[in-house]
PDB file of N, CA and C in Angstrom:
ATOM      1  N   MET A   1      68.413  98.622 108.158  1.00  0.00           N
ATOM      2  CA  MET A   1      68.955  99.153 106.947  1.00  0.00           C
ATOM      3  C   MET A   1      68.529  98.235 105.802  1.00  0.00           C
ATOM      4  N   LYS A   2      68.147  98.853 104.691  1.00  0.00           N
ATOM      5  CA  LYS A   2      67.719  98.102 103.520  1.00  0.00           C
ATOM      6  C   LYS A   2      68.574  98.519 102.324  1.00  0.00           C
ATOM      7  N   PRO A   3      69.078  97.538 101.567  1.00  0.00           N
ATOM      8  CA  PRO A   3      69.889  97.896 100.397  1.00  0.00           C
ATOM      9  C   PRO A   3      69.100  98.757  99.406  1.00  0.00           C
ATOM     10  N   LEU A   4      69.776  99.716  98.822  1.00  0.00           N
ATOM     11  CA  LEU A   4      69.164 100.590  97.822  1.00  0.00           C
ATOM     12  C   LEU A   4      68.834  99.813  96.552  1.00  0.00           C
ATOM     13  N   ILE A   5      69.714  98.901  96.174  1.00  0.00           N
ATOM     14  CA  ILE A   5      69.535  98.115  94.953  1.00  0.00           C
ATOM     15  C   ILE A   5      69.376  96.651  95.349  1.00  0.00           C
ATOM     16  N   PRO A   6      68.200  96.077  95.073  1.00  0.00           N
ATOM     17  CA  PRO A   6      68.032  94.649  95.378  1.00  0.00           C
ATOM     18  C   PRO A   6      69.028  93.811  94.577  1.00  0.00           C
ATOM     19  N   ASN A   7      69.572  92.779  95.206  1.00  0.00           N
ATOM     20  CA  ASN A   7      70.526  91.888  94.558  1.00  0.00           C
ATOM     21  C   ASN A   7      71.636  92.702  93.880  1.00  0.00           C
ATOM     22  N   ALA A   8      72.280  93.529  94.679  1.00  0.00           N
ATOM     23  CA  ALA A   8      73.253  94.501  94.173  1.00  0.00           C
ATOM     24  C   ALA A   8      74.403  93.851  93.400  1.00  0.00           C
ATOM     25  N   LEU A   9      74.885  92.703  93.854  1.00  0.00           N
ATOM     26  CA  LEU A   9      75.999  92.062  93.155  1.00  0.00           C
ATOM     27  C   LEU A   9      75.606  91.706  91.726  1.00  0.00           C
ATOM     28  N   GLU A  10      74.463  91.084  91.550  1.00  0.00           N
ATOM     29  CA  GLU A  10      74.026  90.710  90.196  1.00  0.00           C
ATOM     30  C   GLU A  10      73.758  91.948  89.347  1.00  0.00           C
ATOM     31  N   ALA A  11      73.201  92.994  89.964  1.00  0.00           N
ATOM     32  CA  ALA A  11      72.969  94.237  89.231  1.00  0.00           C
ATOM     33  C   ALA A  11      74.300  94.844  88.780  1.00  0.00           C
ATOM     34  N   GLY A  12      75.298  94.804  89.664  1.00  0.00           N
ATOM     35  CA  GLY A  12      76.613  95.332  89.318  1.00  0.00           C
ATOM     36  C   GLY A  12      77.287  94.535  88.224  1.00  0.00           C
ATOM     37  N   LEU A  13      77.188  93.214  88.298  1.00  0.00           N
ATOM     38  CA  LEU A  13      77.795  92.373  87.261  1.00  0.00           C
ATOM     39  C   LEU A  13      77.093  92.557  85.924  1.00  0.00           C
ATOM     40  N   SER A  14      75.790  92.737  85.970  1.00  0.00           N
ATOM     41  CA  SER A  14      75.035  92.995  84.740  1.00  0.00           C
ATOM     42  C   SER A  14      75.475  94.323  84.111  1.00  0.00           C
ATOM     43  N   ALA A  15      75.639  95.348  84.950  1.00  0.00           N
ATOM     44  CA  ALA A  15      76.097  96.652  84.449  1.00  0.00           C
ATOM     45  C   ALA A  15      77.513  96.543  83.884  1.00  0.00           C
ATOM     46  N   LEU A  16      78.350  95.741  84.522  1.00  0.00           N
ATOM     47  CA  LEU A  16      79.707  95.528  84.016  1.00  0.00           C
ATOM     48  C   LEU A  16      79.664  94.904  82.627  1.00  0.00           C
ATOM     49  N   ARG A  17      78.803  93.916  82.457  1.00  0.00           N
ATOM     50  CA  ARG A  17      78.672  93.279  81.133  1.00  0.00           C
ATOM     51  C   ARG A  17      78.193  94.283  80.085  1.00  0.00           C
ATOM     52  N   ARG A  18      77.230  95.122  80.447  1.00  0.00           N
ATOM     53  CA  ARG A  18      76.642  96.066  79.490  1.00  0.00           C
ATOM     54  C   ARG A  18      77.568  97.237  79.162  1.00  0.00           C
ATOM     55  N   ARG A  19      78.153  97.835  80.202  1.00  0.00           N
ATOM     56  CA  ARG A  19      78.890  99.082  80.001  1.00  0.00           C
ATOM     57  C   ARG A  19      80.404  98.934  80.076  1.00  0.00           C
ATOM     58  N   GLY A  20      80.855  97.844  80.658  1.00  0.00           N
ATOM     59  CA  GLY A  20      82.293  97.656  80.783  1.00  0.00           C
ATOM     60  C   GLY A  20      82.934  98.500  81.862  1.00  0.00           C
ATOM     61  N   HIS A  21      82.135  99.210  82.628  1.00  0.00           N
ATOM     62  CA  HIS A  21      82.689 100.011  83.726  1.00  0.00           C
ATOM     63  C   HIS A  21      82.924  99.127  84.935  1.00  0.00           C
ATOM     64  N   TYR A  22      84.136  99.156  85.418  1.00  0.00           N
ATOM     65  CA  TYR A  22      84.465  98.439  86.644  1.00  0.00           C
ATOM     66  C   TYR A  22      84.539  99.466  87.752  1.00  0.00           C
ATOM     67  N   PRO A  23      83.772  99.287  88.824  1.00  0.00           N
ATOM     68  CA  PRO A  23      83.763 100.318  89.872  1.00  0.00           C
ATOM     69  C   PRO A  23      85.097 100.410  90.599  1.00  0.00           C
ATOM     70  N   ILE A  24      85.523 101.620  90.842  1.00  0.00           N
ATOM     71  CA  ILE A  24      86.735 101.865  91.615  1.00  0.00           C
ATOM     72  C   ILE A  24      86.297 102.154  93.039  1.00  0.00           C
ATOM     73  N   ASN A  25      86.728 101.309  93.961  1.00  0.00           N
ATOM     74  CA  ASN A  25      86.312 101.459  95.350  1.00  0.00           C
ATOM     75  C   ASN A  25      87.398 102.032  96.245  1.00  0.00           C
ATOM     76  N   HIS A  26      88.639 101.946  95.828  1.00  0.00           N
ATOM     77  CA  HIS A  26      89.744 102.408  96.647  1.00  0.00           C
ATOM     78  C   HIS A  26      90.797 103.065  95.772  1.00  0.00           C
ATOM     79  N   THR A  27      91.491 104.002  96.365  1.00  0.00           N
ATOM     80  CA  THR A  27      92.617 104.627  95.685  1.00  0.00           C
ATOM     81  C   THR A  27      93.777 104.747  96.663  1.00  0.00           C
ATOM     82  N   VAL A  28      94.954 104.945  96.138  1.00  0.00           N
ATOM     83  CA  VAL A  28      96.124 105.239  96.954  1.00  0.00           C
ATOM     84  C   VAL A  28      96.536 106.655  96.595  1.00  0.00           C
ATOM     85  N   VAL A  29      96.677 107.487  97.604  1.00  0.00           N
ATOM     86  CA  VAL A  29      97.022 108.887  97.389  1.00  0.00           C
ATOM     87  C   VAL A  29      98.376 109.167  98.032  1.00  0.00           C
ATOM     88  N   ILE A  30      99.242 109.809  97.273  1.00  0.00           N
ATOM     89  CA  ILE A  30     100.550 110.216  97.778  1.00  0.00           C
ATOM     90  C   ILE A  30     100.645 111.726  97.587  1.00  0.00           C
ATOM     91  N   LYS A  31     101.012 112.422  98.625  1.00  0.00           N
ATOM     92  CA  LYS A  31     101.105 113.879  98.548  1.00  0.00           C
ATOM     93  C   LYS A  31     102.128 114.303  97.494  1.00  0.00           C
ATOM     94  N   ASP A  32     101.794 115.377  96.781  1.00  0.00           N
ATOM     95  CA  ASP A  32     102.690 115.910  95.752  1.00  0.00           C
ATOM     96  C   ASP A  32     104.069 116.227  96.323  1.00  0.00           C
ATOM     97  N   GLU A  33     104.109 116.717  97.565  1.00  0.00           N
ATOM     98  CA  GLU A  33     105.397 117.072  98.173  1.00  0.00           C
ATOM     99  C   GLU A  33     106.309 115.844  98.299  1.00  0.00           C
ATOM    100  N   LEU A  34     105.721 114.682  98.612  1.00  0.00           N
ATOM    101  CA  LEU A  34     106.520 113.461  98.724  1.00  0.00           C
ATOM    102  C   LEU A  34     107.040 113.013  97.361  1.00  0.00           C
ATOM    103  N   ILE A  35     106.199 113.143  96.347  1.00  0.00           N
ATOM    104  CA  ILE A  35     106.627 112.766  94.998  1.00  0.00           C
ATOM    105  C   ILE A  35     107.729 113.708  94.514  1.00  0.00           C
ATOM    106  N   ALA A  36     107.623 114.988  94.870  1.00  0.00           N
ATOM    107  CA  ALA A  36     108.669 115.943  94.482  1.00  0.00           C
ATOM    108  C   ALA A  36     110.003 115.574  95.139  1.00  0.00           C
ATOM    109  N   LYS A  37     109.960 115.121  96.384  1.00  0.00           N
ATOM    110  CA  LYS A  37     111.189 114.742  97.090  1.00  0.00           C
ATOM    111  C   LYS A  37     111.719 113.380  96.640  1.00  0.00           C
ATOM    112  N   HIS A  38     110.799 112.485  96.251  1.00  0.00           N
ATOM    113  CA  HIS A  38     111.160 111.116  95.873  1.00  0.00           C
ATOM    114  C   HIS A  38     110.487 110.773  94.545  1.00  0.00           C
ATOM    115  N   PRO A  39     111.078 111.188  93.432  1.00  0.00           N
ATOM    116  CA  PRO A  39     110.435 111.046  92.118  1.00  0.00           C
ATOM    117  C   PRO A  39     110.008 109.626  91.742  1.00  0.00           C
ATOM    118  N   ASP A  40     110.683 108.607  92.258  1.00  0.00           N
ATOM    119  CA  ASP A  40     110.331 107.225  91.923  1.00  0.00           C
ATOM    120  C   ASP A  40     109.258 106.640  92.841  1.00  0.00           C
ATOM    121  N   LEU A  41     108.865 107.377  93.859  1.00  0.00           N
ATOM    122  CA  LEU A  41     107.957 106.839  94.875  1.00  0.00           C
ATOM    123  C   LEU A  41     106.630 106.347  94.287  1.00  0.00           C
ATOM    124  N   ALA A  42     105.970 107.150  93.482  1.00  0.00           N
ATOM    125  CA  ALA A  42     104.656 106.761  92.950  1.00  0.00           C
ATOM    126  C   ALA A  42     104.751 105.488  92.116  1.00  0.00           C
ATOM    127  N   ALA A  43     105.741 105.415  91.248  1.00  0.00           N
ATOM    128  CA  ALA A  43     105.903 104.216  90.409  1.00  0.00           C
ATOM    129  C   ALA A  43     106.271 103.005  91.263  1.00  0.00           C
ATOM    130  N   ASP A  44     107.087 103.218  92.299  1.00  0.00           N
ATOM    131  CA  ASP A  44     107.465 102.110  93.183  1.00  0.00           C
ATOM    132  C   ASP A  44     106.257 101.582  93.959  1.00  0.00           C
ATOM    133  N   VAL A  45     105.417 102.476  94.440  1.00  0.00           N
ATOM    134  CA  VAL A  45     104.198 102.058  95.162  1.00  0.00           C
ATOM    135  C   VAL A  45     103.273 101.313  94.202  1.00  0.00           C
ATOM    136  N   PHE A  46     103.099 101.855  92.998  1.00  0.00           N
ATOM    137  CA  PHE A  46     102.276 101.175  91.989  1.00  0.00           C
ATOM    138  C   PHE A  46     102.796  99.767  91.747  1.00  0.00           C
ATOM    139  N   ASP A  47     104.110  99.643  91.561  1.00  0.00           N
ATOM    140  CA  ASP A  47     104.716  98.343  91.284  1.00  0.00           C
ATOM    141  C   ASP A  47     104.494  97.365  92.441  1.00  0.00           C
ATOM    142  N   ALA A  48     104.626  97.833  93.665  1.00  0.00           N
ATOM    143  CA  ALA A  48     104.418  96.952  94.829  1.00  0.00           C
ATOM    144  C   ALA A  48     102.988  96.425  94.871  1.00  0.00           C
ATOM    145  N   PHE A  49     102.021  97.313  94.654  1.00  0.00           N
ATOM    146  CA  PHE A  49     100.625  96.884  94.642  1.00  0.00           C
ATOM    147  C   PHE A  49     100.347  95.953  93.459  1.00  0.00           C
ATOM    148  N   ALA A  50     100.904  96.266  92.305  1.00  0.00           N
ATOM    149  CA  ALA A  50     100.673  95.437  91.112  1.00  0.00           C
ATOM    150  C   ALA A  50     101.254  94.038  91.293  1.00  0.00           C
ATOM    151  N   ARG A  51     102.445  93.935  91.887  1.00  0.00           N
ATOM    152  CA  ARG A  51     103.034  92.617  92.120  1.00  0.00           C
ATOM    153  C   ARG A  51     102.174  91.800  93.086  1.00  0.00           C
ATOM    154  N   ALA A  52     101.720  92.434  94.161  1.00  0.00           N
ATOM    155  CA  ALA A  52     100.871  91.724  95.128  1.00  0.00           C
ATOM    156  C   ALA A  52      99.564  91.283  94.470  1.00  0.00           C
ATOM    157  N   LYS A  53      98.998  92.142  93.635  1.00  0.00           N
ATOM    158  CA  LYS A  53      97.753  91.797  92.945  1.00  0.00           C
ATOM    159  C   LYS A  53      97.955  90.620  92.000  1.00  0.00           C
ATOM    160  N   ARG A  54      99.060  90.629  91.262  1.00  0.00           N
ATOM    161  CA  ARG A  54      99.326  89.527  90.337  1.00  0.00           C
ATOM    162  C   ARG A  54      99.398  88.192  91.074  1.00  0.00           C
ATOM    163  N   ARG A  55     100.044  88.167  92.221  1.00  0.00           N
ATOM    164  CA  ARG A  55     100.123  86.926  93.016  1.00  0.00           C
ATOM    165  C   ARG A  55      98.729  86.489  93.458  1.00  0.00           C
ATOM    166  N   TYR A  56      97.938  87.452  93.915  1.00  0.00           N
ATOM    167  CA  TYR A  56      96.573  87.141  94.349  1.00  0.00           C
ATOM    168  C   TYR A  56      95.753  86.582  93.188  1.00  0.00           C
ATOM    169  N   VAL A  57      95.800  87.235  92.037  1.00  0.00           N
ATOM    170  CA  VAL A  57      95.007  86.805  90.876  1.00  0.00           C
ATOM    171  C   VAL A  57      95.461  85.430  90.400  1.00  0.00           C
ATOM    172  N   GLU A  58      96.754  85.181  90.407  1.00  0.00           N
ATOM    173  CA  GLU A  58      97.250  83.847  90.030  1.00  0.00           C
ATOM    174  C   GLU A  58      96.680  82.784  90.968  1.00  0.00           C
ATOM    175  N   ASP A  59      96.694  83.070  92.277  1.00  0.00           N
ATOM    176  CA  ASP A  59      96.128  82.116  93.252  1.00  0.00           C
ATOM    177  C   ASP A  59      94.630  81.950  93.052  1.00  0.00           C
ATOM    178  N   LEU A  60      93.943  83.042  92.757  1.00  0.00           N
ATOM    179  CA  LEU A  60      92.496  82.990  92.531  1.00  0.00           C
ATOM    180  C   LEU A  60      92.180  82.127  91.313  1.00  0.00           C
ATOM    181  N   LYS A  61      92.903  82.355  90.220  1.00  0.00           N
ATOM    182  CA  LYS A  61      92.694  81.578  88.995  1.00  0.00           C
ATOM    183  C   LYS A  61      92.977  80.093  89.209  1.00  0.00           C
ATOM    184  N   ALA A  62      94.004  79.810  90.001  1.00  0.00           N
ATOM    185  CA  ALA A  62      94.427  78.427  90.215  1.00  0.00           C
ATOM    186  C   ALA A  62      93.625  77.729  91.312  1.00  0.00           C
ATOM    187  N   GLY A  63      92.689  78.445  91.944  1.00  0.00           N
ATOM    188  CA  GLY A  63      91.903  77.847  93.024  1.00  0.00           C
ATOM    189  C   GLY A  63      92.733  77.569  94.263  1.00  0.00           C
ATOM    190  N   LYS A  64      93.785  78.347  94.480  1.00  0.00           N
ATOM    191  CA  LYS A  64      94.685  78.126  95.608  1.00  0.00           C
ATOM    192  C   LYS A  64      94.270  78.871  96.882  1.00  0.00           C
ATOM    193  N   ILE A  65      93.168  79.588  96.852  1.00  0.00           N
ATOM    194  CA  ILE A  65      92.705  80.281  98.053  1.00  0.00           C
ATOM    195  C   ILE A  65      91.851  79.297  98.840  1.00  0.00           C
ATOM    196  N   GLU A  66      92.366  78.869  99.987  1.00  0.00           N
ATOM    197  CA  GLU A  66      91.742  77.774 100.736  1.00  0.00           C
ATOM    198  C   GLU A  66      90.333  78.093 101.232  1.00  0.00           C
ATOM    199  N   GLN A  67      90.139  79.269 101.748  1.00  0.00           N
ATOM    200  CA  GLN A  67      88.815  79.656 102.239  1.00  0.00           C
ATOM    201  C   GLN A  67      88.426  80.979 101.581  1.00  0.00           C
ATOM    202  N   PRO A  68      87.929  80.916 100.335  1.00  0.00           N
ATOM    203  CA  PRO A  68      87.597  82.157  99.624  1.00  0.00           C
ATOM    204  C   PRO A  68      86.538  82.970 100.374  1.00  0.00           C
ATOM    205  N   SER A  69      86.769  84.260 100.446  1.00  0.00           N
ATOM    206  CA  SER A  69      85.821  85.182 101.075  1.00  0.00           C
ATOM    207  C   SER A  69      84.783  85.624 100.043  1.00  0.00           C
ATOM    208  N   GLU A  70      83.811  86.403 100.496  1.00  0.00           N
ATOM    209  CA  GLU A  70      82.824  86.964  99.561  1.00  0.00           C
ATOM    210  C   GLU A  70      83.528  87.847  98.523  1.00  0.00           C
ATOM    211  N   VAL A  71      84.538  88.573  98.956  1.00  0.00           N
ATOM    212  CA  VAL A  71      85.279  89.441  98.037  1.00  0.00           C
ATOM    213  C   VAL A  71      86.013  88.599  96.995  1.00  0.00           C
ATOM    214  N   ASP A  72      86.616  87.491  97.419  1.00  0.00           N
ATOM    215  CA  ASP A  72      87.270  86.599  96.461  1.00  0.00           C
ATOM    216  C   ASP A  72      86.269  86.098  95.426  1.00  0.00           C
ATOM    217  N   GLU A  73      85.081  85.770  95.880  1.00  0.00           N
ATOM    218  CA  GLU A  73      84.039  85.287  94.964  1.00  0.00           C
ATOM    219  C   GLU A  73      83.633  86.380  93.971  1.00  0.00           C
ATOM    220  N   VAL A  74      83.520  87.609  94.441  1.00  0.00           N
ATOM    221  CA  VAL A  74      83.202  88.724  93.540  1.00  0.00           C
ATOM    222  C   VAL A  74      84.315  88.867  92.503  1.00  0.00           C
ATOM    223  N   HIS A  75      85.565  88.832  92.944  1.00  0.00           N
ATOM    224  CA  HIS A  75      86.686  88.952  92.002  1.00  0.00           C
ATOM    225  C   HIS A  75      86.677  87.811  90.985  1.00  0.00           C
ATOM    226  N   ARG A  76      86.352  86.616  91.435  1.00  0.00           N
ATOM    227  CA  ARG A  76      86.281  85.477  90.511  1.00  0.00           C
ATOM    228  C   ARG A  76      85.197  85.710  89.465  1.00  0.00           C
ATOM    229  N   ARG A  77      84.037  86.210  89.903  1.00  0.00           N
ATOM    230  CA  ARG A  77      82.934  86.470  88.967  1.00  0.00           C
ATOM    231  C   ARG A  77      83.304  87.575  87.980  1.00  0.00           C
ATOM    232  N   VAL A  78      83.950  88.622  88.462  1.00  0.00           N
ATOM    233  CA  VAL A  78      84.385  89.711  87.578  1.00  0.00           C
ATOM    234  C   VAL A  78      85.401  89.182  86.574  1.00  0.00           C
ATOM    235  N   MET A  79      86.297  88.315  87.038  1.00  0.00           N
ATOM    236  CA  MET A  79      87.308  87.738  86.150  1.00  0.00           C
ATOM    237  C   MET A  79      86.652  86.943  85.024  1.00  0.00           C
ATOM    238  N   GLU A  80      85.540  86.282  85.312  1.00  0.00           N
ATOM    239  CA  GLU A  80      84.818  85.535  84.275  1.00  0.00           C
ATOM    240  C   GLU A  80      84.300  86.481  83.185  1.00  0.00           C
ATOM    241  N   ILE A  81      83.957  87.695  83.562  1.00  0.00           N
ATOM    242  CA  ILE A  81      83.400  88.665  82.620  1.00  0.00           C
ATOM    243  C   ILE A  81      84.495  89.421  81.870  1.00  0.00           C
ATOM    244  N   THR A  82      85.485  89.900  82.614  1.00  0.00           N
ATOM    245  CA  THR A  82      86.478  90.806  82.023  1.00  0.00           C
ATOM    246  C   THR A  82      87.843  90.183  81.804  1.00  0.00           C
ATOM    247  N   GLY A  83      88.124  89.088  82.484  1.00  0.00           N
ATOM    248  CA  GLY A  83      89.456  88.500  82.430  1.00  0.00           C
ATOM    249  C   GLY A  83      90.408  89.097  83.446  1.00  0.00           C
ATOM    250  N   GLU A  84      90.069  90.246  83.984  1.00  0.00           N
ATOM    251  CA  GLU A  84      90.929  90.956  84.946  1.00  0.00           C
ATOM    252  C   GLU A  84      90.072  91.498  86.082  1.00  0.00           C
ATOM    253  N   PRO A  85      90.170  90.895  87.273  1.00  0.00           N
ATOM    254  CA  PRO A  85      89.290  91.329  88.359  1.00  0.00           C
ATOM    255  C   PRO A  85      89.709  92.625  89.045  1.00  0.00           C
ATOM    256  N   LEU A  86      90.939  93.038  88.888  1.00  0.00           N
ATOM    257  CA  LEU A  86      91.429  94.243  89.564  1.00  0.00           C
ATOM    258  C   LEU A  86      92.314  95.045  88.613  1.00  0.00           C
ATOM    259  N   PRO A  87      91.727  95.736  87.646  1.00  0.00           N
ATOM    260  CA  PRO A  87      92.548  96.478  86.690  1.00  0.00           C
ATOM    261  C   PRO A  87      93.250  97.666  87.353  1.00  0.00           C
ATOM    262  N   TYR A  88      94.545  97.765  87.154  1.00  0.00           N
ATOM    263  CA  TYR A  88      95.336  98.868  87.705  1.00  0.00           C
ATOM    264  C   TYR A  88      95.831  99.724  86.551  1.00  0.00           C
ATOM    265  N   GLY A  89      95.825 101.024  86.745  1.00  0.00           N
ATOM    266  CA  GLY A  89      96.376 101.951  85.766  1.00  0.00           C
ATOM    267  C   GLY A  89      95.291 102.741  85.053  1.00  0.00           C
ATOM    268  N   ILE A  90      95.732 103.785  84.390  1.00  0.00           N
ATOM    269  CA  ILE A  90      94.798 104.662  83.681  1.00  0.00           C
ATOM    270  C   ILE A  90      94.131 103.939  82.515  1.00  0.00           C
ATOM    271  N   ALA A  91      94.917 103.292  81.670  1.00  0.00           N
ATOM    272  CA  ALA A  91      94.372 102.719  80.435  1.00  0.00           C
ATOM    273  C   ALA A  91      93.157 101.821  80.663  1.00  0.00           C
ATOM    274  N   PRO A  92      93.224 100.838  81.547  1.00  0.00           N
ATOM    275  CA  PRO A  92      92.058  99.966  81.695  1.00  0.00           C
ATOM    276  C   PRO A  92      90.916 100.593  82.490  1.00  0.00           C
ATOM    277  N   ASN A  93      91.151 101.760  83.069  1.00  0.00           N
ATOM    278  CA  ASN A  93      90.133 102.410  83.904  1.00  0.00           C
ATOM    279  C   ASN A  93      89.719 103.787  83.397  1.00  0.00           C
ATOM    280  N   ARG A  94      90.212 104.173  82.219  1.00  0.00           N
ATOM    281  CA  ARG A  94      89.975 105.539  81.737  1.00  0.00           C
ATOM    282  C   ARG A  94      88.492 105.908  81.727  1.00  0.00           C
ATOM    283  N   ASN A  95      87.633 105.048  81.185  1.00  0.00           N
ATOM    284  CA  ASN A  95      86.207 105.400  81.077  1.00  0.00           C
ATOM    285  C   ASN A  95      85.578 105.664  82.435  1.00  0.00           C
ATOM    286  N   VAL A  96      85.874 104.818  83.405  1.00  0.00           N
ATOM    287  CA  VAL A  96      85.259 105.009  84.719  1.00  0.00           C
ATOM    288  C   VAL A  96      85.882 106.206  85.444  1.00  0.00           C
ATOM    289  N   ILE A  97      87.170 106.460  85.270  1.00  0.00           N
ATOM    290  CA  ILE A  97      87.796 107.634  85.900  1.00  0.00           C
ATOM    291  C   ILE A  97      87.210 108.914  85.314  1.00  0.00           C
ATOM    292  N   GLU A  98      87.050 108.950  83.995  1.00  0.00           N
ATOM    293  CA  GLU A  98      86.434 110.122  83.365  1.00  0.00           C
ATOM    294  C   GLU A  98      85.011 110.325  83.860  1.00  0.00           C
ATOM    295  N   ALA A  99      84.252 109.238  84.001  1.00  0.00           N
ATOM    296  CA  ALA A  99      82.877 109.351  84.519  1.00  0.00           C
ATOM    297  C   ALA A  99      82.888 109.872  85.948  1.00  0.00           C
ATOM    298  N   LEU A 100      83.795 109.376  86.779  1.00  0.00           N
ATOM    299  CA  LEU A 100      83.872 109.851  88.165  1.00  0.00           C
ATOM    300  C   LEU A 100      84.224 111.332  88.222  1.00  0.00           C
ATOM    301  N   ALA A 101      85.144 111.773  87.362  1.00  0.00           N
ATOM    302  CA  ALA A 101      85.509 113.191  87.328  1.00  0.00           C
ATOM    303  C   ALA A 101      84.317 114.051  86.904  1.00  0.00           C
ATOM    304  N   ARG A 102      83.551 113.571  85.922  1.00  0.00           N
ATOM    305  CA  ARG A 102      82.338 114.314  85.499  1.00  0.00           C
ATOM    306  C   ARG A 102      81.328 114.385  86.640  1.00  0.00           C
ATOM    307  N   HIS A 103      81.117 113.272  87.329  1.00  0.00           N
ATOM    308  CA  HIS A 103      80.174 113.268  88.449  1.00  0.00           C
ATOM    309  C   HIS A 103      80.641 114.203  89.563  1.00  0.00           C
ATOM    310  N   ALA A 104      81.943 114.207  89.845  1.00  0.00           N
ATOM    311  CA  ALA A 104      82.475 115.079  90.888  1.00  0.00           C
ATOM    312  C   ALA A 104      82.229 116.542  90.536  1.00  0.00           C
ATOM    313  N   LEU A 105      82.378 116.885  89.274  1.00  0.00           N
ATOM    314  CA  LEU A 105      82.130 118.260  88.826  1.00  0.00           C
ATOM    315  C   LEU A 105      80.640 118.591  88.936  1.00  0.00           C
ATOM    316  N   THR A 106      79.806 117.706  88.436  1.00  0.00           N
ATOM    317  CA  THR A 106      78.352 117.923  88.480  1.00  0.00           C
ATOM    318  C   THR A 106      77.851 118.069  89.914  1.00  0.00           C
ATOM    319  N   GLN A 107      78.411 117.288  90.823  1.00  0.00           N
ATOM    320  CA  GLN A 107      77.973 117.299  92.216  1.00  0.00           C
ATOM    321  C   GLN A 107      78.630 118.404  93.037  1.00  0.00           C
ATOM    322  N   GLY A 108      79.521 119.171  92.427  1.00  0.00           N
ATOM    323  CA  GLY A 108      80.168 120.269  93.135  1.00  0.00           C
ATOM    324  C   GLY A 108      81.308 119.832  94.046  1.00  0.00           C
ATOM    325  N   ILE A 109      81.751 118.592  93.919  1.00  0.00           N
ATOM    326  CA  ILE A 109      82.876 118.112  94.720  1.00  0.00           C
ATOM    327  C   ILE A 109      84.154 118.805  94.256  1.00  0.00           C
ATOM    328  N   ILE A 110      84.249 119.026  92.939  1.00  0.00           N
ATOM    329  CA  ILE A 110      85.322 119.831  92.362  1.00  0.00           C
ATOM    330  C   ILE A 110      84.663 120.980  91.614  1.00  0.00           C
ATOM    331  N   THR A 111      85.386 122.071  91.450  1.00  0.00           N
ATOM    332  CA  THR A 111      84.786 123.255  90.835  1.00  0.00           C
ATOM    333  C   THR A 111      85.211 123.492  89.400  1.00  0.00           C
ATOM    334  N   GLU A 112      86.241 122.768  88.939  1.00  0.00           N
ATOM    335  CA  GLU A 112      86.718 122.895  87.562  1.00  0.00           C
ATOM    336  C   GLU A 112      86.970 121.506  86.990  1.00  0.00           C
ATOM    337  N   PRO A 113      86.752 121.317  85.704  1.00  0.00           N
ATOM    338  CA  PRO A 113      87.032 120.008  85.102  1.00  0.00           C
ATOM    339  C   PRO A 113      88.508 119.642  85.234  1.00  0.00           C
ATOM    340  N   VAL A 114      88.781 118.355  85.335  1.00  0.00           N
ATOM    341  CA  VAL A 114      90.154 117.863  85.372  1.00  0.00           C
ATOM    342  C   VAL A 114      90.295 116.754  84.339  1.00  0.00           C
ATOM    343  N   THR A 115      91.499 116.614  83.817  1.00  0.00           N
ATOM    344  CA  THR A 115      91.775 115.495  82.928  1.00  0.00           C
ATOM    345  C   THR A 115      92.215 114.314  83.782  1.00  0.00           C
ATOM    346  N   VAL A 116      92.082 113.144  83.234  1.00  0.00           N
ATOM    347  CA  VAL A 116      92.527 111.947  83.945  1.00  0.00           C
ATOM    348  C   VAL A 116      94.012 112.065  84.282  1.00  0.00           C
ATOM    349  N   GLU A 117      94.800 112.519  83.329  1.00  0.00           N
ATOM    350  CA  GLU A 117      96.243 112.612  83.542  1.00  0.00           C
ATOM    351  C   GLU A 117      96.600 113.524  84.711  1.00  0.00           C
ATOM    352  N   GLU A 118      95.827 114.585  84.932  1.00  0.00           N
ATOM    353  CA  GLU A 118      96.102 115.492  86.046  1.00  0.00           C
ATOM    354  C   GLU A 118      95.978 114.805  87.404  1.00  0.00           C
ATOM    355  N   LEU A 119      95.240 113.713  87.448  1.00  0.00           N
ATOM    356  CA  LEU A 119      94.983 113.033  88.716  1.00  0.00           C
ATOM    357  C   LEU A 119      96.099 112.065  89.117  1.00  0.00           C
ATOM    358  N   PHE A 120      97.038 111.816  88.212  1.00  0.00           N
ATOM    359  CA  PHE A 120      98.059 110.816  88.452  1.00  0.00           C
ATOM    360  C   PHE A 120      99.458 111.396  88.320  1.00  0.00           C
ATOM    361  N   ALA A 121     100.353 110.852  89.110  1.00  0.00           N
ATOM    362  CA  ALA A 121     101.763 111.262  89.022  1.00  0.00           C
ATOM    363  C   ALA A 121     102.276 110.922  87.625  1.00  0.00           C
ATOM    364  N   PRO A 122     103.063 111.825  87.043  1.00  0.00           N
ATOM    365  CA  PRO A 122     103.568 111.567  85.682  1.00  0.00           C
ATOM    366  C   PRO A 122     104.248 110.205  85.530  1.00  0.00           C
ATOM    367  N   SER A 123     104.949 109.754  86.551  1.00  0.00           N
ATOM    368  CA  SER A 123     105.673 108.478  86.445  1.00  0.00           C
ATOM    369  C   SER A 123     104.764 107.265  86.420  1.00  0.00           C
ATOM    370  N   THR A 124     103.473 107.455  86.681  1.00  0.00           N
ATOM    371  CA  THR A 124     102.533 106.317  86.716  1.00  0.00           C
ATOM    372  C   THR A 124     101.540 106.319  85.560  1.00  0.00           C
ATOM    373  N   ARG A 125     101.523 107.354  84.773  1.00  0.00           N
ATOM    374  CA  ARG A 125     100.460 107.513  83.764  1.00  0.00           C
ATOM    375  C   ARG A 125     100.430 106.400  82.729  1.00  0.00           C
ATOM    376  N   ALA A 126     101.535 105.808  82.407  1.00  0.00           N
ATOM    377  CA  ALA A 126     101.561 104.749  81.388  1.00  0.00           C
ATOM    378  C   ALA A 126     101.575 103.350  82.011  1.00  0.00           C
ATOM    379  N   LEU A 127     101.612 103.278  83.331  1.00  0.00           N
ATOM    380  CA  LEU A 127     101.722 101.978  83.981  1.00  0.00           C
ATOM    381  C   LEU A 127     100.388 101.238  83.982  1.00  0.00           C
ATOM    382  N   VAL A 128     100.459  99.944  83.798  1.00  0.00           N
ATOM    383  CA  VAL A 128      99.297  99.055  83.874  1.00  0.00           C
ATOM    384  C   VAL A 128      99.750  97.856  84.674  1.00  0.00           C
ATOM    385  N   GLY A 129      98.904  97.451  85.617  1.00  0.00           N
ATOM    386  CA  GLY A 129      99.312  96.318  86.452  1.00  0.00           C
ATOM    387  C   GLY A 129      98.261  95.279  86.627  1.00  0.00           C
TER     388      GLY A 129
END
């Protein structure tokens, strides 16, 4: 197997500097039926992840991670560029979410345009972590 992009990490960091887009690699999905039964669930899950992330970022900034992994090193490098290695919430990710929605439409993954807000539970739309 050969990487599609030579020196992908540096290429990604360069693109981050130029465009400000931070790639979203993972999402948490909660079924609408669960949110309907438990209205606070989405915000509570967001808060739990945000608290854990804050502890991790504090340790990363303070050099408290004893054996940093490659992922820790990537987060440290991103933090040097953006100040925030793992932005949570719509506001800091709006541009990349909108781009992903456009790509999904263009590629036929979705058949109708969607707004960013439609993709998130109402209780989480203003949250930033």
